[in-house]
Amino acid sequence: MNLVKGIAIGAVALALAACDQSAYGGSGINKQTIGTVGGAVAGGLLGSQVGGGTGRLWATGAGVLLGALLGSEIGKSLDRADQAYMGQTTYNALESGQPTRWQNPDSGHYGTVTPSSAYQTGGQTCREYTQTIYVDGRSETARGIACRQPDGSWQIRS
């Protein structure tokens, strides 16, 4: 279950890093919605890697539902500024290959992103990474792989 939570965190972070932050201003999208959508996407991706045939479809559906639930809970805890700090830090860490820390001085929430060495696969540059966030004395850790896209953004592979 922590793996799904972690992937949801990573999905939200990378999605925010790839987008213009002004796109969220005044749009009515709140942190819980962002967490729910990010968690659903990440859960579906994770579920699609399990089993085969009909079992894979069930696992994907279950992953979407579980990811949405967990992403929603995480989203409630992180405000828009936290997500912006986390997203930019994740992008910077993946770019530089250096461990990076973020902190929102208003909420007190903080986190770290630790990327591994870059490697080539299928013509893309990829990195494994570990991301930990600290919210109200609780920590959540995620591990994943992100690959650079032709447009320069990073996309989660797993």
N, C-alpha and C. Protein backbone atom coordinates (compact mmCIF):
# COMPACT_ATOMS: atom_id res chain seq x y z
N MET A 1 0.83 -1.19 0.00
CA MET A 1 0.00 0.00 0.00
C MET A 1 0.87 1.26 0.00
N ASN A 2 2.00 1.25 0.71
CA ASN A 2 2.90 2.41 0.70
C ASN A 2 3.45 2.66 -0.69
N LEU A 3 3.67 1.60 -1.48
CA LEU A 3 4.17 1.75 -2.83
C LEU A 3 3.17 2.54 -3.67
N VAL A 4 1.87 2.24 -3.55
CA VAL A 4 0.86 2.95 -4.32
C VAL A 4 0.80 4.41 -3.87
N LYS A 5 0.87 4.65 -2.56
CA LYS A 5 0.90 6.03 -2.08
C LYS A 5 2.09 6.77 -2.64
N GLY A 6 3.23 6.11 -2.62
CA GLY A 6 4.44 6.73 -3.12
C GLY A 6 4.36 7.05 -4.59
N ILE A 7 3.83 6.14 -5.36
CA ILE A 7 3.69 6.38 -6.80
C ILE A 7 2.73 7.54 -7.03
N ALA A 8 1.68 7.62 -6.23
CA ALA A 8 0.75 8.73 -6.36
C ALA A 8 1.45 10.05 -6.08
N ILE A 9 2.29 10.08 -5.08
CA ILE A 9 3.04 11.29 -4.76
C ILE A 9 3.93 11.67 -5.93
N GLY A 10 4.62 10.68 -6.45
CA GLY A 10 5.51 10.94 -7.58
C GLY A 10 4.77 11.41 -8.81
N ALA A 11 3.62 10.84 -9.08
CA ALA A 11 2.83 11.24 -10.24
C ALA A 11 2.40 12.69 -10.14
N VAL A 12 1.94 13.08 -8.96
CA VAL A 12 1.53 14.47 -8.75
C VAL A 12 2.72 15.40 -8.91
N ALA A 13 3.84 15.03 -8.33
CA ALA A 13 5.03 15.88 -8.40
C ALA A 13 5.50 16.07 -9.83
N LEU A 14 5.60 15.00 -10.57
CA LEU A 14 6.08 15.12 -11.95
C LEU A 14 5.06 15.80 -12.85
N ALA A 15 3.80 15.58 -12.61
CA ALA A 15 2.78 16.26 -13.41
C ALA A 15 2.86 17.76 -13.19
N LEU A 16 3.06 18.17 -11.94
CA LEU A 16 3.18 19.59 -11.64
C LEU A 16 4.46 20.17 -12.19
N ALA A 17 5.54 19.42 -12.15
CA ALA A 17 6.81 19.92 -12.68
C ALA A 17 6.73 20.15 -14.17
N ALA A 18 5.96 19.35 -14.87
CA ALA A 18 5.86 19.45 -16.32
C ALA A 18 4.90 20.54 -16.77
N CYS A 19 4.05 21.02 -15.90
CA CYS A 19 3.02 21.99 -16.26
C CYS A 19 3.40 23.40 -15.81
N ASP A 20 2.85 24.37 -16.51
CA ASP A 20 2.99 25.76 -16.09
C ASP A 20 2.16 25.94 -14.83
N GLN A 21 2.78 26.39 -13.75
CA GLN A 21 2.08 26.51 -12.47
C GLN A 21 0.90 27.46 -12.54
N SER A 22 0.93 28.43 -13.46
CA SER A 22 -0.19 29.37 -13.55
C SER A 22 -1.45 28.69 -14.06
N ALA A 23 -1.32 27.51 -14.64
CA ALA A 23 -2.49 26.81 -15.14
C ALA A 23 -3.46 26.46 -14.02
N TYR A 24 -2.98 26.36 -12.78
CA TYR A 24 -3.84 26.01 -11.68
C TYR A 24 -4.46 27.24 -11.01
N GLY A 25 -3.97 28.42 -11.31
CA GLY A 25 -4.46 29.62 -10.65
C GLY A 25 -5.89 29.93 -11.05
N GLY A 26 -6.77 30.02 -10.08
CA GLY A 26 -8.14 30.42 -10.32
C GLY A 26 -8.97 29.42 -11.10
N SER A 27 -8.47 28.23 -11.31
CA SER A 27 -9.20 27.27 -12.13
C SER A 27 -10.20 26.45 -11.33
N GLY A 28 -10.18 26.57 -10.02
CA GLY A 28 -11.10 25.81 -9.20
C GLY A 28 -10.58 24.42 -8.87
N ILE A 29 -9.43 24.03 -9.39
CA ILE A 29 -8.85 22.72 -9.08
C ILE A 29 -8.21 22.82 -7.71
N ASN A 30 -8.59 21.92 -6.80
CA ASN A 30 -8.00 21.97 -5.47
C ASN A 30 -7.03 20.81 -5.27
N LYS A 31 -6.32 20.86 -4.15
CA LYS A 31 -5.27 19.88 -3.88
C LYS A 31 -5.82 18.46 -3.78
N GLN A 32 -7.01 18.29 -3.28
CA GLN A 32 -7.59 16.95 -3.18
C GLN A 32 -7.90 16.40 -4.57
N THR A 33 -8.41 17.25 -5.46
CA THR A 33 -8.70 16.82 -6.82
C THR A 33 -7.42 16.41 -7.54
N ILE A 34 -6.38 17.21 -7.41
CA ILE A 34 -5.10 16.90 -8.04
C ILE A 34 -4.57 15.58 -7.50
N GLY A 35 -4.66 15.40 -6.19
CA GLY A 35 -4.21 14.14 -5.59
C GLY A 35 -5.02 12.95 -6.06
N THR A 36 -6.32 13.14 -6.19
CA THR A 36 -7.19 12.05 -6.64
C THR A 36 -6.84 11.65 -8.08
N VAL A 37 -6.72 12.62 -8.96
CA VAL A 37 -6.41 12.33 -10.36
C VAL A 37 -5.02 11.70 -10.48
N GLY A 38 -4.04 12.30 -9.81
CA GLY A 38 -2.68 11.75 -9.86
C GLY A 38 -2.63 10.34 -9.30
N GLY A 39 -3.32 10.11 -8.22
CA GLY A 39 -3.35 8.77 -7.62
C GLY A 39 -4.04 7.76 -8.52
N ALA A 40 -5.13 8.18 -9.17
CA ALA A 40 -5.84 7.27 -10.07
C ALA A 40 -4.96 6.87 -11.25
N VAL A 41 -4.26 7.85 -11.82
CA VAL A 41 -3.35 7.55 -12.94
C VAL A 41 -2.25 6.61 -12.49
N ALA A 42 -1.61 6.93 -11.38
CA ALA A 42 -0.51 6.10 -10.88
C ALA A 42 -1.00 4.70 -10.51
N GLY A 43 -2.15 4.62 -9.87
CA GLY A 43 -2.70 3.32 -9.50
C GLY A 43 -3.04 2.48 -10.71
N GLY A 44 -3.59 3.12 -11.73
CA GLY A 44 -3.90 2.41 -12.97
C GLY A 44 -2.65 1.89 -13.65
N LEU A 45 -1.60 2.73 -13.67
CA LEU A 45 -0.33 2.30 -14.26
C LEU A 45 0.24 1.11 -13.49
N LEU A 46 0.20 1.19 -12.18
CA LEU A 46 0.72 0.10 -11.36
C LEU A 46 -0.10 -1.17 -11.57
N GLY A 47 -1.41 -1.04 -11.54
CA GLY A 47 -2.28 -2.19 -11.72
C GLY A 47 -2.12 -2.85 -13.08
N SER A 48 -1.83 -2.05 -14.11
CA SER A 48 -1.69 -2.60 -15.46
C SER A 48 -0.44 -3.47 -15.60
N GLN A 49 0.44 -3.43 -14.63
CA GLN A 49 1.66 -4.23 -14.66
C GLN A 49 1.48 -5.59 -14.02
N VAL A 50 0.28 -5.85 -13.47
CA VAL A 50 0.02 -7.09 -12.73
C VAL A 50 -0.81 -8.04 -13.59
N GLY A 51 -0.42 -9.28 -13.62
CA GLY A 51 -1.22 -10.32 -14.27
C GLY A 51 -1.30 -10.19 -15.77
N GLY A 52 -2.28 -10.88 -16.34
CA GLY A 52 -2.49 -10.86 -17.77
C GLY A 52 -3.96 -11.08 -18.08
N GLY A 53 -4.38 -10.74 -19.29
CA GLY A 53 -5.75 -10.94 -19.72
C GLY A 53 -6.76 -10.24 -18.82
N THR A 54 -7.81 -10.97 -18.43
CA THR A 54 -8.86 -10.42 -17.58
C THR A 54 -8.32 -10.00 -16.23
N GLY A 55 -7.37 -10.76 -15.69
CA GLY A 55 -6.77 -10.41 -14.41
C GLY A 55 -6.09 -9.05 -14.46
N ARG A 56 -5.46 -8.72 -15.56
CA ARG A 56 -4.80 -7.42 -15.70
C ARG A 56 -5.84 -6.31 -15.72
N LEU A 57 -6.98 -6.52 -16.38
CA LEU A 57 -8.03 -5.51 -16.40
C LEU A 57 -8.57 -5.25 -14.99
N TRP A 58 -8.79 -6.33 -14.23
CA TRP A 58 -9.25 -6.17 -12.85
C TRP A 58 -8.21 -5.45 -12.01
N ALA A 59 -6.94 -5.81 -12.17
CA ALA A 59 -5.87 -5.18 -11.40
C ALA A 59 -5.76 -3.70 -11.76
N THR A 60 -5.93 -3.37 -13.04
CA THR A 60 -5.87 -1.96 -13.45
C THR A 60 -7.02 -1.18 -12.83
N GLY A 61 -8.23 -1.73 -12.88
CA GLY A 61 -9.38 -1.06 -12.28
C GLY A 61 -9.21 -0.88 -10.78
N ALA A 62 -8.75 -1.92 -10.11
CA ALA A 62 -8.52 -1.83 -8.66
C ALA A 62 -7.44 -0.80 -8.36
N GLY A 63 -6.40 -0.77 -9.21
CA GLY A 63 -5.32 0.20 -9.02
C GLY A 63 -5.82 1.63 -9.16
N VAL A 64 -6.70 1.86 -10.13
CA VAL A 64 -7.26 3.21 -10.32
C VAL A 64 -8.06 3.62 -9.08
N LEU A 65 -8.91 2.74 -8.60
CA LEU A 65 -9.74 3.08 -7.43
C LEU A 65 -8.89 3.30 -6.18
N LEU A 66 -7.97 2.37 -5.92
CA LEU A 66 -7.12 2.50 -4.74
C LEU A 66 -6.23 3.73 -4.85
N GLY A 67 -5.66 3.95 -6.02
CA GLY A 67 -4.80 5.12 -6.23
C GLY A 67 -5.55 6.42 -6.04
N ALA A 68 -6.79 6.48 -6.54
CA ALA A 68 -7.60 7.69 -6.37
C ALA A 68 -7.88 7.96 -4.90
N LEU A 69 -8.22 6.91 -4.16
CA LEU A 69 -8.50 7.07 -2.72
C LEU A 69 -7.27 7.56 -1.98
N LEU A 70 -6.14 6.89 -2.21
CA LEU A 70 -4.91 7.28 -1.50
C LEU A 70 -4.42 8.65 -1.95
N GLY A 71 -4.50 8.92 -3.25
CA GLY A 71 -4.08 10.23 -3.75
C GLY A 71 -4.92 11.35 -3.19
N SER A 72 -6.21 11.09 -3.00
CA SER A 72 -7.10 12.08 -2.41
C SER A 72 -6.69 12.41 -0.99
N GLU A 73 -6.35 11.38 -0.22
CA GLU A 73 -5.92 11.60 1.17
C GLU A 73 -4.62 12.38 1.23
N ILE A 74 -3.68 12.04 0.37
CA ILE A 74 -2.41 12.78 0.33
C ILE A 74 -2.67 14.21 -0.11
N GLY A 75 -3.52 14.37 -1.12
CA GLY A 75 -3.83 15.71 -1.63
C GLY A 75 -4.44 16.61 -0.58
N LYS A 76 -5.24 16.05 0.33
CA LYS A 76 -5.81 16.84 1.40
C LYS A 76 -4.72 17.45 2.27
N SER A 77 -3.62 16.71 2.42
CA SER A 77 -2.55 17.14 3.31
C SER A 77 -1.62 18.17 2.68
N LEU A 78 -1.49 18.13 1.37
CA LEU A 78 -0.57 19.03 0.69
C LEU A 78 -1.33 20.17 0.04
N ASP A 79 -0.93 21.39 0.32
CA ASP A 79 -1.59 22.50 -0.35
C ASP A 79 -0.88 22.81 -1.66
N ARG A 80 -1.43 23.73 -2.41
CA ARG A 80 -0.91 24.06 -3.74
C ARG A 80 0.56 24.49 -3.68
N ALA A 81 0.92 25.26 -2.67
CA ALA A 81 2.31 25.70 -2.55
C ALA A 81 3.23 24.51 -2.28
N ASP A 82 2.80 23.56 -1.41
CA ASP A 82 3.59 22.35 -1.16
C ASP A 82 3.82 21.61 -2.47
N GLN A 83 2.77 21.46 -3.25
CA GLN A 83 2.87 20.72 -4.50
C GLN A 83 3.80 21.42 -5.48
N ALA A 84 3.77 22.74 -5.51
CA ALA A 84 4.65 23.48 -6.40
C ALA A 84 6.11 23.30 -5.97
N TYR A 85 6.38 23.42 -4.66
CA TYR A 85 7.75 23.19 -4.16
C TYR A 85 8.20 21.77 -4.51
N MET A 86 7.35 20.79 -4.24
CA MET A 86 7.70 19.40 -4.48
C MET A 86 7.91 19.14 -5.97
N GLY A 87 7.04 19.67 -6.82
CA GLY A 87 7.16 19.46 -8.25
C GLY A 87 8.42 20.06 -8.82
N GLN A 88 8.73 21.28 -8.44
CA GLN A 88 9.93 21.94 -8.95
C GLN A 88 11.18 21.24 -8.44
N THR A 89 11.17 20.83 -7.19
CA THR A 89 12.33 20.12 -6.62
C THR A 89 12.54 18.79 -7.31
N THR A 90 11.45 18.07 -7.59
CA THR A 90 11.58 16.79 -8.28
C THR A 90 12.19 16.99 -9.66
N TYR A 91 11.71 17.97 -10.39
CA TYR A 91 12.25 18.26 -11.71
C TYR A 91 13.74 18.62 -11.61
N ASN A 92 14.09 19.50 -10.68
CA ASN A 92 15.49 19.92 -10.51
C ASN A 92 16.39 18.74 -10.15
N ALA A 93 15.92 17.87 -9.27
CA ALA A 93 16.72 16.71 -8.87
C ALA A 93 16.94 15.77 -10.04
N LEU A 94 15.89 15.53 -10.83
CA LEU A 94 16.03 14.66 -11.99
C LEU A 94 16.98 15.28 -13.01
N GLU A 95 16.91 16.58 -13.17
CA GLU A 95 17.80 17.27 -14.10
C GLU A 95 19.26 17.20 -13.66
N SER A 96 19.51 17.50 -12.39
CA SER A 96 20.89 17.62 -11.89
C SER A 96 21.49 16.29 -11.46
N GLY A 97 20.65 15.35 -11.07
CA GLY A 97 21.15 14.09 -10.54
C GLY A 97 21.61 14.20 -9.09
N GLN A 98 21.31 15.34 -8.47
CA GLN A 98 21.74 15.58 -7.09
C GLN A 98 20.55 15.52 -6.12
N PRO A 99 20.76 14.97 -4.92
CA PRO A 99 19.69 14.99 -3.91
C PRO A 99 19.28 16.44 -3.63
N THR A 100 17.98 16.65 -3.51
CA THR A 100 17.46 18.01 -3.35
C THR A 100 16.37 17.99 -2.30
N ARG A 101 16.29 19.07 -1.52
CA ARG A 101 15.30 19.19 -0.44
C ARG A 101 14.41 20.38 -0.71
N TRP A 102 13.12 20.26 -0.38
CA TRP A 102 12.21 21.38 -0.46
C TRP A 102 11.54 21.59 0.88
N GLN A 103 11.07 22.81 1.11
CA GLN A 103 10.32 23.11 2.33
C GLN A 103 9.40 24.28 2.06
N ASN A 104 8.18 24.15 2.52
CA ASN A 104 7.23 25.24 2.44
C ASN A 104 7.25 25.94 3.80
N PRO A 105 7.79 27.16 3.87
CA PRO A 105 7.88 27.84 5.17
C PRO A 105 6.52 28.17 5.77
N ASP A 106 5.48 28.25 4.94
CA ASP A 106 4.15 28.56 5.46
C ASP A 106 3.48 27.37 6.13
N SER A 107 3.59 26.18 5.53
CA SER A 107 2.93 25.01 6.09
C SER A 107 3.85 24.19 6.99
N GLY A 108 5.17 24.32 6.79
CA GLY A 108 6.13 23.51 7.54
C GLY A 108 6.36 22.15 6.90
N HIS A 109 5.62 21.82 5.85
CA HIS A 109 5.81 20.55 5.16
C HIS A 109 7.11 20.60 4.36
N TYR A 110 7.77 19.46 4.24
CA TYR A 110 9.03 19.42 3.50
C TYR A 110 9.25 18.03 2.94
N GLY A 111 10.27 17.91 2.12
CA GLY A 111 10.56 16.63 1.53
C GLY A 111 11.91 16.60 0.85
N THR A 112 12.29 15.42 0.41
CA THR A 112 13.56 15.23 -0.29
C THR A 112 13.32 14.39 -1.54
N VAL A 113 14.16 14.63 -2.53
CA VAL A 113 14.16 13.83 -3.75
C VAL A 113 15.60 13.42 -3.99
N THR A 114 15.84 12.11 -4.09
CA THR A 114 17.19 11.59 -4.29
C THR A 114 17.21 10.75 -5.57
N PRO A 115 17.78 11.30 -6.65
CA PRO A 115 17.85 10.55 -7.89
C PRO A 115 19.10 9.67 -7.94
N SER A 116 19.04 8.60 -8.73
CA SER A 116 20.22 7.77 -8.95
C SER A 116 20.89 8.24 -10.24
N SER A 117 21.93 7.54 -10.63
CA SER A 117 22.63 7.87 -11.87
C SER A 117 21.71 7.67 -13.06
N ALA A 118 21.90 8.50 -14.07
CA ALA A 118 21.11 8.38 -15.30
C ALA A 118 21.60 7.18 -16.10
N TYR A 119 20.66 6.58 -16.83
CA TYR A 119 21.01 5.48 -17.72
C TYR A 119 20.14 5.58 -18.97
N GLN A 120 20.58 4.93 -20.03
CA GLN A 120 19.87 4.94 -21.31
C GLN A 120 19.06 3.67 -21.48
N THR A 121 17.82 3.81 -21.92
CA THR A 121 16.99 2.65 -22.26
C THR A 121 16.03 3.07 -23.36
N GLY A 122 15.99 2.30 -24.42
CA GLY A 122 15.08 2.61 -25.52
C GLY A 122 15.29 3.99 -26.10
N GLY A 123 16.52 4.49 -26.09
CA GLY A 123 16.81 5.82 -26.64
C GLY A 123 16.45 6.97 -25.71
N GLN A 124 16.05 6.67 -24.47
CA GLN A 124 15.69 7.72 -23.51
C GLN A 124 16.64 7.70 -22.32
N THR A 125 16.83 8.88 -21.73
CA THR A 125 17.57 8.98 -20.49
C THR A 125 16.58 8.79 -19.34
N CYS A 126 16.90 7.87 -18.44
CA CYS A 126 16.01 7.57 -17.31
C CYS A 126 16.80 7.66 -16.00
N ARG A 127 16.09 7.83 -14.91
CA ARG A 127 16.66 7.82 -13.56
C ARG A 127 15.68 7.15 -12.62
N GLU A 128 16.22 6.34 -11.73
CA GLU A 128 15.43 5.90 -10.58
C GLU A 128 15.52 7.03 -9.56
N TYR A 129 14.52 7.14 -8.71
CA TYR A 129 14.54 8.19 -7.68
C TYR A 129 13.78 7.72 -6.46
N THR A 130 14.12 8.34 -5.33
CA THR A 130 13.40 8.13 -4.08
C THR A 130 12.91 9.49 -3.63
N GLN A 131 11.65 9.57 -3.27
CA GLN A 131 11.06 10.83 -2.84
C GLN A 131 10.39 10.60 -1.49
N THR A 132 10.69 11.46 -0.53
CA THR A 132 10.08 11.36 0.79
C THR A 132 9.45 12.71 1.13
N ILE A 133 8.20 12.68 1.60
CA ILE A 133 7.56 13.92 2.07
C ILE A 133 7.24 13.76 3.55
N TYR A 134 7.25 14.88 4.23
CA TYR A 134 6.95 14.92 5.67
C TYR A 134 5.80 15.90 5.87
N VAL A 135 4.67 15.37 6.35
CA VAL A 135 3.49 16.18 6.57
C VAL A 135 2.98 15.90 7.97
N ASP A 136 2.94 16.93 8.79
CA ASP A 136 2.42 16.81 10.16
C ASP A 136 3.05 15.65 10.93
N GLY A 137 4.37 15.52 10.82
CA GLY A 137 5.10 14.51 11.57
C GLY A 137 5.07 13.12 10.95
N ARG A 138 4.36 12.93 9.85
CA ARG A 138 4.31 11.63 9.17
C ARG A 138 5.15 11.71 7.90
N SER A 139 5.78 10.60 7.57
CA SER A 139 6.55 10.58 6.33
C SER A 139 5.98 9.52 5.38
N GLU A 140 6.10 9.79 4.11
CA GLU A 140 5.73 8.84 3.06
C GLU A 140 6.90 8.81 2.08
N THR A 141 7.31 7.62 1.70
CA THR A 141 8.43 7.46 0.77
C THR A 141 7.96 6.75 -0.48
N ALA A 142 8.42 7.25 -1.62
CA ALA A 142 8.10 6.65 -2.91
C ALA A 142 9.39 6.38 -3.66
N ARG A 143 9.38 5.31 -4.43
CA ARG A 143 10.49 5.01 -5.32
C ARG A 143 9.91 4.84 -6.71
N GLY A 144 10.61 5.33 -7.69
CA GLY A 144 10.10 5.20 -9.05
C GLY A 144 11.20 5.38 -10.07
N ILE A 145 10.78 5.34 -11.31
CA ILE A 145 11.67 5.57 -12.44
C ILE A 145 11.01 6.63 -13.30
N ALA A 146 11.78 7.63 -13.70
CA ALA A 146 11.29 8.67 -14.59
C ALA A 146 12.22 8.74 -15.79
N CYS A 147 11.64 8.98 -16.97
CA CYS A 147 12.42 9.06 -18.20
C CYS A 147 12.14 10.40 -18.89
N ARG A 148 13.20 10.97 -19.45
CA ARG A 148 13.10 12.26 -20.15
C ARG A 148 12.38 12.04 -21.48
N GLN A 149 11.41 12.90 -21.75
CA GLN A 149 10.66 12.87 -22.99
C GLN A 149 11.31 13.81 -24.02
N PRO A 150 10.98 13.66 -25.29
CA PRO A 150 11.57 14.53 -26.32
C PRO A 150 11.36 16.02 -26.05
N ASP A 151 10.27 16.38 -25.37
CA ASP A 151 10.01 17.80 -25.08
C ASP A 151 10.76 18.31 -23.85
N GLY A 152 11.57 17.44 -23.21
CA GLY A 152 12.37 17.85 -22.04
C GLY A 152 11.71 17.55 -20.71
N SER A 153 10.44 17.19 -20.71
CA SER A 153 9.77 16.86 -19.44
C SER A 153 10.19 15.45 -19.00
N TRP A 154 9.86 15.12 -17.77
CA TRP A 154 10.14 13.80 -17.22
C TRP A 154 8.82 13.08 -17.04
N GLN A 155 8.76 11.80 -17.43
CA GLN A 155 7.54 11.01 -17.30
C GLN A 155 7.83 9.79 -16.44
N ILE A 156 6.91 9.49 -15.52
CA ILE A 156 7.06 8.32 -14.66
C ILE A 156 6.87 7.07 -15.48
N ARG A 157 7.79 6.13 -15.30
CA ARG A 157 7.68 4.82 -15.94
C ARG A 157 7.10 3.82 -14.96
N SER A 158 7.52 3.91 -13.71
CA SER A 158 7.00 3.00 -12.69
C SER A 158 7.22 3.60 -11.33
